[in-house]
């Protein structure tokens, strides 16, 4: 049996979808706080291993493409309205449009990620 291992800090459920199995949890000290590391294992001799590995890579590449929205900065909004009303309106409109575009982009990426999971599920 040819076993491959991986150590991660979070997202165990996502890895389980790609044939990994949770083997151990290790608590480590970092500074003054503890964190958990999860050790996962997967059999490299399983059927469709190369395809599963490629789909896993595609899934996490898509996940890394997701964007984060930063909400309206109240101080900047107040300053913009105090100086001139127009920049404040432009700023608010820009941020609302940005939020909509980011949500649409992330929804598209999530749909692609879900398609990858659906594709890999029968292979495992």
PDB file of N, CA and C in Angstrom:
ATOM      1  N   UNK A   1       0.836  -1.172   0.000  1.00  0.00           N
ATOM      2  CA  UNK A   1       0.000   0.000   0.000  1.00  0.00           C
ATOM      3  C   UNK A   1       0.884   1.239   0.000  1.00  0.00           C
ATOM      4  N   UNK A   2       0.633   2.142  -0.882  1.00  0.00           N
ATOM      5  CA  UNK A   2       1.408   3.354  -1.041  1.00  0.00           C
ATOM      6  C   UNK A   2       0.607   4.514  -0.451  1.00  0.00           C
ATOM      7  N   UNK A   3       0.987   4.988   0.738  1.00  0.00           N
ATOM      8  CA  UNK A   3       0.219   5.985   1.474  1.00  0.00           C
ATOM      9  C   UNK A   3       0.873   7.356   1.344  1.00  0.00           C
ATOM     10  N   UNK A   4       0.027   8.357   1.141  1.00  0.00           N
ATOM     11  CA  UNK A   4       0.456   9.748   1.077  1.00  0.00           C
ATOM     12  C   UNK A   4      -0.166  10.450   2.281  1.00  0.00           C
ATOM     13  N   UNK A   5       0.593  11.334   2.947  1.00  0.00           N
ATOM     14  CA  UNK A   5       0.070  12.048   4.116  1.00  0.00           C
ATOM     15  C   UNK A   5       0.148  13.550   3.876  1.00  0.00           C
ATOM     16  N   UNK A   6      -0.679  14.257   4.627  1.00  0.00           N
ATOM     17  CA  UNK A   6      -0.733  15.717   4.528  1.00  0.00           C
ATOM     18  C   UNK A   6      -1.109  16.254   5.900  1.00  0.00           C
ATOM     19  N   UNK A   7      -0.508  17.364   6.305  1.00  0.00           N
ATOM     20  CA  UNK A   7      -0.834  18.016   7.566  1.00  0.00           C
ATOM     21  C   UNK A   7      -1.476  19.363   7.247  1.00  0.00           C
ATOM     22  N   UNK A   8      -2.664  19.594   7.819  1.00  0.00           N
ATOM     23  CA  UNK A   8      -3.381  20.851   7.578  1.00  0.00           C
ATOM     24  C   UNK A   8      -3.866  21.407   8.912  1.00  0.00           C
ATOM     25  N   UNK A   9      -4.246  22.671   8.908  1.00  0.00           N
ATOM     26  CA  UNK A   9      -4.764  23.303  10.125  1.00  0.00           C
ATOM     27  C   UNK A   9      -6.285  23.407  10.120  1.00  0.00           C
ATOM     28  N   UNK A  10      -6.899  23.511   8.954  1.00  0.00           N
ATOM     29  CA  UNK A  10      -8.349  23.654   8.883  1.00  0.00           C
ATOM     30  C   UNK A  10      -8.839  23.137   7.532  1.00  0.00           C
ATOM     31  N   UNK A  11     -10.148  22.983   7.408  1.00  0.00           N
ATOM     32  CA  UNK A  11     -10.720  22.538   6.148  1.00  0.00           C
ATOM     33  C   UNK A  11     -10.683  21.042   5.943  1.00  0.00           C
ATOM     34  N   UNK A  12     -10.750  20.282   7.028  1.00  0.00           N
ATOM     35  CA  UNK A  12     -10.676  18.823   6.929  1.00  0.00           C
ATOM     36  C   UNK A  12     -11.791  18.289   6.042  1.00  0.00           C
ATOM     37  N   UNK A  13     -13.000  18.817   6.199  1.00  0.00           N
ATOM     38  CA  UNK A  13     -14.145  18.326   5.431  1.00  0.00           C
ATOM     39  C   UNK A  13     -13.913  18.435   3.929  1.00  0.00           C
ATOM     40  N   UNK A  14     -13.250  19.491   3.504  1.00  0.00           N
ATOM     41  CA  UNK A  14     -12.984  19.649   2.072  1.00  0.00           C
ATOM     42  C   UNK A  14     -12.038  18.566   1.563  1.00  0.00           C
ATOM     43  N   UNK A  15     -11.050  18.227   2.345  1.00  0.00           N
ATOM     44  CA  UNK A  15     -10.084  17.217   1.923  1.00  0.00           C
ATOM     45  C   UNK A  15     -10.700  15.817   1.913  1.00  0.00           C
ATOM     46  N   UNK A  16     -11.641  15.570   2.821  1.00  0.00           N
ATOM     47  CA  UNK A  16     -12.284  14.257   2.879  1.00  0.00           C
ATOM     48  C   UNK A  16     -13.027  13.951   1.576  1.00  0.00           C
ATOM     49  N   UNK A  17     -13.469  14.974   0.877  1.00  0.00           N
ATOM     50  CA  UNK A  17     -14.174  14.796  -0.394  1.00  0.00           C
ATOM     51  C   UNK A  17     -13.264  14.231  -1.482  1.00  0.00           C
ATOM     52  N   UNK A  18     -11.970  14.336  -1.290  1.00  0.00           N
ATOM     53  CA  UNK A  18     -11.006  13.916  -2.303  1.00  0.00           C
ATOM     54  C   UNK A  18     -10.229  12.664  -1.873  1.00  0.00           C
ATOM     55  N   UNK A  19     -10.857  11.834  -1.077  1.00  0.00           N
ATOM     56  CA  UNK A  19     -10.270  10.548  -0.738  1.00  0.00           C
ATOM     57  C   UNK A  19      -9.344  10.537   0.460  1.00  0.00           C
ATOM     58  N   UNK A  20      -9.149  11.682   1.112  1.00  0.00           N
ATOM     59  CA  UNK A  20      -8.306  11.723   2.302  1.00  0.00           C
ATOM     60  C   UNK A  20      -9.092  11.170   3.475  1.00  0.00           C
ATOM     61  N   UNK A  21      -8.404  10.590   4.437  1.00  0.00           N
ATOM     62  CA  UNK A  21      -9.054  10.165   5.670  1.00  0.00           C
ATOM     63  C   UNK A  21      -8.285  10.769   6.848  1.00  0.00           C
ATOM     64  N   UNK A  22      -9.042  11.187   7.847  1.00  0.00           N
ATOM     65  CA  UNK A  22      -8.475  11.823   9.028  1.00  0.00           C
ATOM     66  C   UNK A  22      -7.838  10.744   9.897  1.00  0.00           C
ATOM     67  N   UNK A  23      -6.551  10.899  10.195  1.00  0.00           N
ATOM     68  CA  UNK A  23      -5.864   9.871  10.976  1.00  0.00           C
ATOM     69  C   UNK A  23      -5.518  10.329  12.391  1.00  0.00           C
ATOM     70  N   UNK A  24      -5.193  11.622  12.546  1.00  0.00           N
ATOM     71  CA  UNK A  24      -4.726  12.067  13.850  1.00  0.00           C
ATOM     72  C   UNK A  24      -4.897  13.574  13.969  1.00  0.00           C
ATOM     73  N   UNK A  25      -5.076  14.038  15.216  1.00  0.00           N
ATOM     74  CA  UNK A  25      -5.117  15.470  15.503  1.00  0.00           C
ATOM     75  C   UNK A  25      -4.008  15.774  16.491  1.00  0.00           C
ATOM     76  N   UNK A  26      -3.197  16.774  16.180  1.00  0.00           N
ATOM     77  CA  UNK A  26      -2.059  17.135  17.020  1.00  0.00           C
ATOM     78  C   UNK A  26      -2.235  18.580  17.476  1.00  0.00           C
ATOM     79  N   UNK A  27      -2.113  18.800  18.775  1.00  0.00           N
ATOM     80  CA  UNK A  27      -2.189  20.169  19.302  1.00  0.00           C
ATOM     81  C   UNK A  27      -0.769  20.702  19.457  1.00  0.00           C
ATOM     82  N   UNK A  28      -0.553  21.905  18.959  1.00  0.00           N
ATOM     83  CA  UNK A  28       0.777  22.513  19.006  1.00  0.00           C
ATOM     84  C   UNK A  28       0.687  23.869  19.700  1.00  0.00           C
ATOM     85  N   UNK A  29       1.791  24.276  20.288  1.00  0.00           N
ATOM     86  CA  UNK A  29       1.869  25.560  20.965  1.00  0.00           C
ATOM     87  C   UNK A  29       2.548  26.565  20.049  1.00  0.00           C
ATOM     88  N   UNK A  30       1.909  27.705  19.884  1.00  0.00           N
ATOM     89  CA  UNK A  30       2.489  28.787  19.092  1.00  0.00           C
ATOM     90  C   UNK A  30       2.424  30.046  19.941  1.00  0.00           C
ATOM     91  N   UNK A  31       3.562  30.464  20.431  1.00  0.00           N
ATOM     92  CA  UNK A  31       3.561  31.619  21.334  1.00  0.00           C
ATOM     93  C   UNK A  31       2.871  31.240  22.633  1.00  0.00           C
ATOM     94  N   UNK A  32       1.733  31.888  22.882  1.00  0.00           N
ATOM     95  CA  UNK A  32       0.987  31.603  24.113  1.00  0.00           C
ATOM     96  C   UNK A  32      -0.310  30.848  23.854  1.00  0.00           C
ATOM     97  N   UNK A  33      -0.574  30.503  22.611  1.00  0.00           N
ATOM     98  CA  UNK A  33      -1.832  29.819  22.311  1.00  0.00           C
ATOM     99  C   UNK A  33      -1.580  28.491  21.609  1.00  0.00           C
ATOM    100  N   UNK A  34      -2.566  27.649  21.686  1.00  0.00           N
ATOM    101  CA  UNK A  34      -2.506  26.343  21.048  1.00  0.00           C
ATOM    102  C   UNK A  34      -3.308  26.360  19.760  1.00  0.00           C
ATOM    103  N   UNK A  35      -2.906  25.544  18.823  1.00  0.00           N
ATOM    104  CA  UNK A  35      -3.684  25.333  17.603  1.00  0.00           C
ATOM    105  C   UNK A  35      -3.626  23.856  17.262  1.00  0.00           C
ATOM    106  N   UNK A  36      -4.586  23.412  16.469  1.00  0.00           N
ATOM    107  CA  UNK A  36      -4.659  22.002  16.096  1.00  0.00           C
ATOM    108  C   UNK A  36      -4.172  21.813  14.673  1.00  0.00           C
ATOM    109  N   UNK A  37      -3.444  20.750  14.473  1.00  0.00           N
ATOM    110  CA  UNK A  37      -3.058  20.305  13.129  1.00  0.00           C
ATOM    111  C   UNK A  37      -3.685  18.940  12.913  1.00  0.00           C
ATOM    112  N   UNK A  38      -4.184  18.728  11.719  1.00  0.00           N
ATOM    113  CA  UNK A  38      -4.833  17.465  11.388  1.00  0.00           C
ATOM    114  C   UNK A  38      -3.960  16.712  10.394  1.00  0.00           C
ATOM    115  N   UNK A  39      -3.721  15.468  10.667  1.00  0.00           N
ATOM    116  CA  UNK A  39      -2.927  14.633   9.774  1.00  0.00           C
ATOM    117  C   UNK A  39      -3.888  13.766   8.975  1.00  0.00           C
ATOM    118  N   UNK A  40      -3.775  13.875   7.656  1.00  0.00           N
ATOM    119  CA  UNK A  40      -4.633  13.142   6.743  1.00  0.00           C
ATOM    120  C   UNK A  40      -3.803  12.141   5.959  1.00  0.00           C
ATOM    121  N   UNK A  41      -4.437  11.067   5.523  1.00  0.00           N
ATOM    122  CA  UNK A  41      -3.743  10.048   4.729  1.00  0.00           C
ATOM    123  C   UNK A  41      -4.630   9.634   3.565  1.00  0.00           C
ATOM    124  N   UNK A  42      -3.981   9.249   2.462  1.00  0.00           N
ATOM    125  CA  UNK A  42      -4.699   8.789   1.269  1.00  0.00           C
ATOM    126  C   UNK A  42      -3.850   7.734   0.582  1.00  0.00           C
ATOM    127  N   UNK A  43      -4.507   6.712   0.060  1.00  0.00           N
ATOM    128  CA  UNK A  43      -3.838   5.622  -0.642  1.00  0.00           C
ATOM    129  C   UNK A  43      -3.554   6.050  -2.083  1.00  0.00           C
ATOM    130  N   UNK A  44      -2.281   6.067  -2.464  1.00  0.00           N
ATOM    131  CA  UNK A  44      -1.899   6.459  -3.818  1.00  0.00           C
ATOM    132  C   UNK A  44      -2.223   5.382  -4.846  1.00  0.00           C
ATOM    133  N   UNK A  45      -2.498   4.166  -4.380  1.00  0.00           N
ATOM    134  CA  UNK A  45      -2.809   3.071  -5.285  1.00  0.00           C
ATOM    135  C   UNK A  45      -4.306   2.943  -5.563  1.00  0.00           C
ATOM    136  N   UNK A  46      -5.111   3.888  -5.030  1.00  0.00           N
ATOM    137  CA  UNK A  46      -6.548   3.784  -5.259  1.00  0.00           C
ATOM    138  C   UNK A  46      -6.871   4.030  -6.733  1.00  0.00           C
ATOM    139  N   UNK A  47      -8.008   3.512  -7.118  1.00  0.00           N
ATOM    140  CA  UNK A  47      -8.436   3.657  -8.513  1.00  0.00           C
ATOM    141  C   UNK A  47      -8.652   5.145  -8.811  1.00  0.00           C
ATOM    142  N   UNK A  48      -8.259   5.591  -9.972  1.00  0.00           N
ATOM    143  CA  UNK A  48      -8.431   6.979 -10.440  1.00  0.00           C
ATOM    144  C   UNK A  48      -7.640   7.984  -9.599  1.00  0.00           C
ATOM    145  N   UNK A  49      -6.534   7.573  -9.011  1.00  0.00           N
ATOM    146  CA  UNK A  49      -5.761   8.469  -8.137  1.00  0.00           C
ATOM    147  C   UNK A  49      -5.338   9.744  -8.865  1.00  0.00           C
ATOM    148  N   UNK A  50      -4.806   9.613 -10.064  1.00  0.00           N
ATOM    149  CA  UNK A  50      -4.313  10.791 -10.784  1.00  0.00           C
ATOM    150  C   UNK A  50      -5.440  11.756 -11.094  1.00  0.00           C
ATOM    151  N   UNK A  51      -6.605  11.234 -11.470  1.00  0.00           N
ATOM    152  CA  UNK A  51      -7.754  12.088 -11.770  1.00  0.00           C
ATOM    153  C   UNK A  51      -8.257  12.779 -10.510  1.00  0.00           C
ATOM    154  N   UNK A  52      -8.327  12.051  -9.413  1.00  0.00           N
ATOM    155  CA  UNK A  52      -8.766  12.631  -8.141  1.00  0.00           C
ATOM    156  C   UNK A  52      -7.802  13.729  -7.706  1.00  0.00           C
ATOM    157  N   UNK A  53      -6.514  13.475  -7.844  1.00  0.00           N
ATOM    158  CA  UNK A  53      -5.502  14.464  -7.455  1.00  0.00           C
ATOM    159  C   UNK A  53      -5.604  15.714  -8.326  1.00  0.00           C
ATOM    160  N   UNK A  54      -5.836  15.537  -9.624  1.00  0.00           N
ATOM    161  CA  UNK A  54      -5.997  16.678 -10.522  1.00  0.00           C
ATOM    162  C   UNK A  54      -7.245  17.486 -10.170  1.00  0.00           C
ATOM    163  N   UNK A  55      -8.334  16.796  -9.848  1.00  0.00           N
ATOM    164  CA  UNK A  55      -9.564  17.493  -9.471  1.00  0.00           C
ATOM    165  C   UNK A  55      -9.403  18.214  -8.130  1.00  0.00           C
ATOM    166  N   UNK A  56      -8.659  17.614  -7.219  1.00  0.00           N
ATOM    167  CA  UNK A  56      -8.381  18.279  -5.941  1.00  0.00           C
ATOM    168  C   UNK A  56      -7.598  19.565  -6.186  1.00  0.00           C
ATOM    169  N   UNK A  57      -6.599  19.488  -7.022  1.00  0.00           N
ATOM    170  CA  UNK A  57      -5.800  20.669  -7.346  1.00  0.00           C
ATOM    171  C   UNK A  57      -6.665  21.746  -7.991  1.00  0.00           C
ATOM    172  N   UNK A  58      -7.525  21.344  -8.901  1.00  0.00           N
ATOM    173  CA  UNK A  58      -8.428  22.295  -9.571  1.00  0.00           C
ATOM    174  C   UNK A  58      -9.366  22.947  -8.558  1.00  0.00           C
ATOM    175  N   UNK A  59      -9.900  22.153  -7.630  1.00  0.00           N
ATOM    176  CA  UNK A  59     -10.821  22.656  -6.610  1.00  0.00           C
ATOM    177  C   UNK A  59     -10.152  23.730  -5.757  1.00  0.00           C
ATOM    178  N   UNK A  60      -8.942  23.449  -5.267  1.00  0.00           N
ATOM    179  CA  UNK A  60      -8.282  24.408  -4.390  1.00  0.00           C
ATOM    180  C   UNK A  60      -7.745  25.614  -5.163  1.00  0.00           C
ATOM    181  N   UNK A  61      -7.414  25.456  -6.435  1.00  0.00           N
ATOM    182  CA  UNK A  61      -7.057  26.611  -7.262  1.00  0.00           C
ATOM    183  C   UNK A  61      -8.262  27.535  -7.409  1.00  0.00           C
ATOM    184  N   UNK A  62      -9.432  26.949  -7.640  1.00  0.00           N
ATOM    185  CA  UNK A  62     -10.657  27.747  -7.732  1.00  0.00           C
ATOM    186  C   UNK A  62     -10.960  28.423  -6.405  1.00  0.00           C
ATOM    187  N   UNK A  63     -10.772  27.711  -5.310  1.00  0.00           N
ATOM    188  CA  UNK A  63     -11.035  28.287  -3.990  1.00  0.00           C
ATOM    189  C   UNK A  63     -10.135  29.495  -3.734  1.00  0.00           C
ATOM    190  N   UNK A  64      -8.884  29.419  -4.184  1.00  0.00           N
ATOM    191  CA  UNK A  64      -7.952  30.532  -3.996  1.00  0.00           C
ATOM    192  C   UNK A  64      -8.294  31.739  -4.846  1.00  0.00           C
ATOM    193  N   UNK A  65      -9.145  31.561  -5.852  1.00  0.00           N
ATOM    194  CA  UNK A  65      -9.553  32.678  -6.699  1.00  0.00           C
ATOM    195  C   UNK A  65     -10.657  33.525  -6.074  1.00  0.00           C
ATOM    196  N   UNK A  66     -11.285  33.024  -5.025  1.00  0.00           N
ATOM    197  CA  UNK A  66     -12.359  33.781  -4.380  1.00  0.00           C
ATOM    198  C   UNK A  66     -11.815  35.098  -3.846  1.00  0.00           C
ATOM    199  N   UNK A  67     -12.661  36.110  -3.896  1.00  0.00           N
ATOM    200  CA  UNK A  67     -12.273  37.444  -3.435  1.00  0.00           C
ATOM    201  C   UNK A  67     -12.975  37.770  -2.130  1.00  0.00           C
ATOM    202  N   UNK A  68     -12.410  38.714  -1.381  1.00  0.00           N
ATOM    203  CA  UNK A  68     -13.002  39.164  -0.129  1.00  0.00           C
ATOM    204  C   UNK A  68     -13.503  40.593  -0.292  1.00  0.00           C
ATOM    205  N   UNK A  69     -14.695  40.844   0.219  1.00  0.00           N
ATOM    206  CA  UNK A  69     -15.277  42.177   0.174  1.00  0.00           C
ATOM    207  C   UNK A  69     -14.977  42.887   1.481  1.00  0.00           C
ATOM    208  N   UNK A  70     -14.486  44.120   1.384  1.00  0.00           N
ATOM    209  CA  UNK A  70     -14.298  44.923   2.584  1.00  0.00           C
ATOM    210  C   UNK A  70     -15.458  45.914   2.660  1.00  0.00           C
ATOM    211  N   UNK A  71     -16.152  45.952   3.778  1.00  0.00           N
ATOM    212  CA  UNK A  71     -17.326  46.821   3.879  1.00  0.00           C
ATOM    213  C   UNK A  71     -16.962  48.297   3.824  1.00  0.00           C
ATOM    214  N   UNK A  72     -17.992  49.119   3.718  1.00  0.00           N
ATOM    215  CA  UNK A  72     -17.802  50.575   3.636  1.00  0.00           C
ATOM    216  C   UNK A  72     -17.093  51.056   4.894  1.00  0.00           C
ATOM    217  N   UNK A  73     -16.085  51.874   4.697  1.00  0.00           N
ATOM    218  CA  UNK A  73     -15.349  52.474   5.805  1.00  0.00           C
ATOM    219  C   UNK A  73     -16.129  53.713   6.261  1.00  0.00           C
ATOM    220  N   UNK A  74     -16.675  53.659   7.469  1.00  0.00           N
ATOM    221  CA  UNK A  74     -17.530  54.747   7.962  1.00  0.00           C
ATOM    222  C   UNK A  74     -16.781  56.077   8.037  1.00  0.00           C
ATOM    223  N   UNK A  75     -15.545  56.049   8.482  1.00  0.00           N
ATOM    224  CA  UNK A  75     -14.768  57.289   8.603  1.00  0.00           C
ATOM    225  C   UNK A  75     -14.532  57.915   7.233  1.00  0.00           C
ATOM    226  N   UNK A  76     -14.104  57.099   6.254  1.00  0.00           N
ATOM    227  CA  UNK A  76     -13.872  57.610   4.909  1.00  0.00           C
ATOM    228  C   UNK A  76     -15.181  58.130   4.310  1.00  0.00           C
ATOM    229  N   UNK A  77     -16.274  57.462   4.547  1.00  0.00           N
ATOM    230  CA  UNK A  77     -17.572  57.881   4.031  1.00  0.00           C
ATOM    231  C   UNK A  77     -17.957  59.235   4.639  1.00  0.00           C
ATOM    232  N   UNK A  78     -17.762  59.397   5.938  1.00  0.00           N
ATOM    233  CA  UNK A  78     -18.085  60.663   6.598  1.00  0.00           C
ATOM    234  C   UNK A  78     -17.219  61.806   6.057  1.00  0.00           C
ATOM    235  N   UNK A  79     -15.915  61.551   5.909  1.00  0.00           N
ATOM    236  CA  UNK A  79     -15.007  62.576   5.389  1.00  0.00           C
ATOM    237  C   UNK A  79     -15.401  62.961   3.971  1.00  0.00           C
ATOM    238  N   UNK A  80     -15.729  61.981   3.142  1.00  0.00           N
ATOM    239  CA  UNK A  80     -16.122  62.262   1.762  1.00  0.00           C
ATOM    240  C   UNK A  80     -17.404  63.098   1.722  1.00  0.00           C
ATOM    241  N   UNK A  81     -18.365  62.764   2.573  1.00  0.00           N
ATOM    242  CA  UNK A  81     -19.610  63.546   2.612  1.00  0.00           C
ATOM    243  C   UNK A  81     -19.367  64.937   3.197  1.00  0.00           C
ATOM    244  N   UNK A  82     -18.452  65.029   4.164  1.00  0.00           N
ATOM    245  CA  UNK A  82     -18.176  66.332   4.777  1.00  0.00           C
ATOM    246  C   UNK A  82     -17.475  67.264   3.794  1.00  0.00           C
ATOM    247  N   UNK A  83     -16.539  66.721   2.995  1.00  0.00           N
ATOM    248  CA  UNK A  83     -15.824  67.563   2.036  1.00  0.00           C
ATOM    249  C   UNK A  83     -16.732  67.959   0.887  1.00  0.00           C
ATOM    250  N   UNK A  84     -17.257  67.008   0.252  1.00  0.00           N
ATOM    251  CA  UNK A  84     -18.177  67.206  -0.861  1.00  0.00           C
ATOM    252  C   UNK A  84     -19.158  66.040  -0.876  1.00  0.00           C
ATOM    253  N   UNK A  85     -20.362  66.306  -1.174  1.00  0.00           N
ATOM    254  CA  UNK A  85     -21.360  65.238  -1.194  1.00  0.00           C
ATOM    255  C   UNK A  85     -21.112  64.284  -2.358  1.00  0.00           C
ATOM    256  N   UNK A  86     -20.697  64.793  -3.491  1.00  0.00           N
ATOM    257  CA  UNK A  86     -20.530  63.955  -4.685  1.00  0.00           C
ATOM    258  C   UNK A  86     -19.525  62.819  -4.479  1.00  0.00           C
ATOM    259  N   UNK A  87     -18.333  63.087  -3.926  1.00  0.00           N
ATOM    260  CA  UNK A  87     -17.409  61.961  -3.715  1.00  0.00           C
ATOM    261  C   UNK A  87     -17.998  60.885  -2.799  1.00  0.00           C
ATOM    262  N   UNK A  88     -18.763  61.306  -1.811  1.00  0.00           N
ATOM    263  CA  UNK A  88     -19.396  60.337  -0.921  1.00  0.00           C
ATOM    264  C   UNK A  88     -20.384  59.456  -1.664  1.00  0.00           C
ATOM    265  N   UNK A  89     -21.171  60.059  -2.541  1.00  0.00           N
ATOM    266  CA  UNK A  89     -22.131  59.282  -3.338  1.00  0.00           C
ATOM    267  C   UNK A  89     -21.392  58.329  -4.265  1.00  0.00           C
ATOM    268  N   UNK A  90     -20.321  58.832  -4.894  1.00  0.00           N
ATOM    269  CA  UNK A  90     -19.527  57.985  -5.788  1.00  0.00           C
ATOM    270  C   UNK A  90     -18.915  56.821  -5.006  1.00  0.00           C
ATOM    271  N   UNK A  91     -18.403  57.099  -3.819  1.00  0.00           N
ATOM    272  CA  UNK A  91     -17.784  56.059  -2.997  1.00  0.00           C
ATOM    273  C   UNK A  91     -18.806  54.986  -2.607  1.00  0.00           C
ATOM    274  N   UNK A  92     -19.961  55.405  -2.133  1.00  0.00           N
ATOM    275  CA  UNK A  92     -20.991  54.449  -1.730  1.00  0.00           C
ATOM    276  C   UNK A  92     -21.455  53.625  -2.930  1.00  0.00           C
ATOM    277  N   UNK A  93     -21.670  54.278  -4.075  1.00  0.00           N
ATOM    278  CA  UNK A  93     -22.098  53.556  -5.278  1.00  0.00           C
ATOM    279  C   UNK A  93     -21.030  52.553  -5.709  1.00  0.00           C
ATOM    280  N   UNK A  94     -19.759  52.975  -5.657  1.00  0.00           N
ATOM    281  CA  UNK A  94     -18.655  52.086  -6.024  1.00  0.00           C
ATOM    282  C   UNK A  94     -18.615  50.860  -5.113  1.00  0.00           C
ATOM    283  N   UNK A  95     -18.716  51.075  -3.795  1.00  0.00           N
ATOM    284  CA  UNK A  95     -18.643  49.967  -2.857  1.00  0.00           C
ATOM    285  C   UNK A  95     -19.829  49.011  -3.016  1.00  0.00           C
ATOM    286  N   UNK A  96     -21.019  49.548  -3.254  1.00  0.00           N
ATOM    287  CA  UNK A  96     -22.184  48.680  -3.445  1.00  0.00           C
ATOM    288  C   UNK A  96     -22.042  47.860  -4.722  1.00  0.00           C
ATOM    289  N   UNK A  97     -21.540  48.493  -5.784  1.00  0.00           N
ATOM    290  CA  UNK A  97     -21.315  47.780  -7.043  1.00  0.00           C
ATOM    291  C   UNK A  97     -20.215  46.735  -6.871  1.00  0.00           C
ATOM    292  N   UNK A  98     -19.179  47.082  -6.129  1.00  0.00           N
ATOM    293  CA  UNK A  98     -18.084  46.146  -5.883  1.00  0.00           C
ATOM    294  C   UNK A  98     -18.582  44.926  -5.131  1.00  0.00           C
ATOM    295  N   UNK A  99     -19.418  45.140  -4.143  1.00  0.00           N
ATOM    296  CA  UNK A  99     -19.951  44.019  -3.361  1.00  0.00           C
ATOM    297  C   UNK A  99     -20.758  43.086  -4.265  1.00  0.00           C
ATOM    298  N   UNK A 100     -21.583  43.642  -5.127  1.00  0.00           N
ATOM    299  CA  UNK A 100     -22.399  42.836  -6.036  1.00  0.00           C
ATOM    300  C   UNK A 100     -21.525  42.039  -6.987  1.00  0.00           C
ATOM    301  N   UNK A 101     -20.497  42.678  -7.556  1.00  0.00           N
ATOM    302  CA  UNK A 101     -19.606  41.980  -8.479  1.00  0.00           C
ATOM    303  C   UNK A 101     -18.825  40.865  -7.784  1.00  0.00           C
ATOM    304  N   UNK A 102     -18.338  41.120  -6.581  1.00  0.00           N
ATOM    305  CA  UNK A 102     -17.586  40.106  -5.845  1.00  0.00           C
ATOM    306  C   UNK A 102     -18.486  38.930  -5.482  1.00  0.00           C
ATOM    307  N   UNK A 103     -19.716  39.214  -5.053  1.00  0.00           N
ATOM    308  CA  UNK A 103     -20.640  38.124  -4.721  1.00  0.00           C
ATOM    309  C   UNK A 103     -20.941  37.273  -5.953  1.00  0.00           C
ATOM    310  N   UNK A 104     -21.134  37.922  -7.112  1.00  0.00           N
ATOM    311  CA  UNK A 104     -21.400  37.177  -8.344  1.00  0.00           C
ATOM    312  C   UNK A 104     -20.186  36.336  -8.740  1.00  0.00           C
ATOM    313  N   UNK A 105     -18.989  36.921  -8.634  1.00  0.00           N
ATOM    314  CA  UNK A 105     -17.765  36.196  -8.969  1.00  0.00           C
ATOM    315  C   UNK A 105     -17.578  34.995  -8.052  1.00  0.00           C
ATOM    316  N   UNK A 106     -17.764  35.209  -6.736  1.00  0.00           N
ATOM    317  CA  UNK A 106     -17.604  34.122  -5.777  1.00  0.00           C
ATOM    318  C   UNK A 106     -18.652  33.032  -5.980  1.00  0.00           C
ATOM    319  N   UNK A 107     -19.869  33.419  -6.363  1.00  0.00           N
ATOM    320  CA  UNK A 107     -20.909  32.418  -6.640  1.00  0.00           C
ATOM    321  C   UNK A 107     -20.513  31.567  -7.835  1.00  0.00           C
ATOM    322  N   UNK A 108     -19.938  32.199  -8.859  1.00  0.00           N
ATOM    323  CA  UNK A 108     -19.486  31.461 -10.036  1.00  0.00           C
ATOM    324  C   UNK A 108     -18.359  30.494  -9.669  1.00  0.00           C
ATOM    325  N   UNK A 109     -17.399  30.957  -8.876  1.00  0.00           N
ATOM    326  CA  UNK A 109     -16.295  30.101  -8.439  1.00  0.00           C
ATOM    327  C   UNK A 109     -16.833  28.956  -7.583  1.00  0.00           C
ATOM    328  N   UNK A 110     -17.800  29.252  -6.690  1.00  0.00           N
ATOM    329  CA  UNK A 110     -18.380  28.200  -5.847  1.00  0.00           C
ATOM    330  C   UNK A 110     -19.095  27.155  -6.700  1.00  0.00           C
ATOM    331  N   UNK A 111     -19.794  27.587  -7.753  1.00  0.00           N
ATOM    332  CA  UNK A 111     -20.453  26.638  -8.653  1.00  0.00           C
ATOM    333  C   UNK A 111     -19.429  25.730  -9.321  1.00  0.00           C
ATOM    334  N   UNK A 112     -18.296  26.292  -9.732  1.00  0.00           N
ATOM    335  CA  UNK A 112     -17.237  25.495 -10.341  1.00  0.00           C
ATOM    336  C   UNK A 112     -16.655  24.513  -9.326  1.00  0.00           C
ATOM    337  N   UNK A 113     -16.476  24.972  -8.069  1.00  0.00           N
ATOM    338  CA  UNK A 113     -15.958  24.101  -7.021  1.00  0.00           C
ATOM    339  C   UNK A 113     -16.932  22.952  -6.759  1.00  0.00           C
ATOM    340  N   UNK A 114     -18.232  23.263  -6.728  1.00  0.00           N
ATOM    341  CA  UNK A 114     -19.245  22.224  -6.519  1.00  0.00           C
ATOM    342  C   UNK A 114     -19.239  21.219  -7.665  1.00  0.00           C
ATOM    343  N   UNK A 115     -19.024  21.704  -8.898  1.00  0.00           N
ATOM    344  CA  UNK A 115     -18.960  20.799 -10.051  1.00  0.00           C
ATOM    345  C   UNK A 115     -17.781  19.849  -9.931  1.00  0.00           C
ATOM    346  N   UNK A 116     -16.651  20.356  -9.430  1.00  0.00           N
ATOM    347  CA  UNK A 116     -15.469  19.509  -9.236  1.00  0.00           C
ATOM    348  C   UNK A 116     -15.766  18.437  -8.203  1.00  0.00           C
ATOM    349  N   UNK A 117     -16.440  18.817  -7.102  1.00  0.00           N
ATOM    350  CA  UNK A 117     -16.783  17.846  -6.053  1.00  0.00           C
ATOM    351  C   UNK A 117     -17.731  16.790  -6.619  1.00  0.00           C
ATOM    352  N   UNK A 118     -18.727  17.199  -7.424  1.00  0.00           N
ATOM    353  CA  UNK A 118     -19.646  16.245  -8.030  1.00  0.00           C
ATOM    354  C   UNK A 118     -18.918  15.301  -8.962  1.00  0.00           C
ATOM    355  N   UNK A 119     -17.898  15.810  -9.640  1.00  0.00           N
ATOM    356  CA  UNK A 119     -17.129  14.988 -10.572  1.00  0.00           C
ATOM    357  C   UNK A 119     -16.261  13.973  -9.834  1.00  0.00           C
ATOM    358  N   UNK A 120     -15.743  14.361  -8.670  1.00  0.00           N
ATOM    359  CA  UNK A 120     -14.833  13.464  -7.958  1.00  0.00           C
ATOM    360  C   UNK A 120     -15.576  12.464  -7.080  1.00  0.00           C
ATOM    361  N   UNK A 121     -16.793  12.765  -6.661  1.00  0.00           N
ATOM    362  CA  UNK A 121     -17.534  11.883  -5.759  1.00  0.00           C
ATOM    363  C   UNK A 121     -17.677  10.456  -6.283  1.00  0.00           C
ATOM    364  N   UNK A 122     -18.077  10.230  -7.535  1.00  0.00           N
ATOM    365  CA  UNK A 122     -18.187   8.847  -7.983  1.00  0.00           C
ATOM    366  C   UNK A 122     -16.847   8.134  -8.139  1.00  0.00           C
ATOM    367  N   UNK A 123     -15.758   8.882  -8.188  1.00  0.00           N
ATOM    368  CA  UNK A 123     -14.439   8.275  -8.387  1.00  0.00           C
ATOM    369  C   UNK A 123     -13.862   7.690  -7.111  1.00  0.00           C
ATOM    370  N   UNK A 124     -14.405   8.095  -5.997  1.00  0.00           N
ATOM    371  CA  UNK A 124     -13.845   7.666  -4.703  1.00  0.00           C
ATOM    372  C   UNK A 124     -14.593   6.470  -4.164  1.00  0.00           C
TER     373      UNK A 124
END
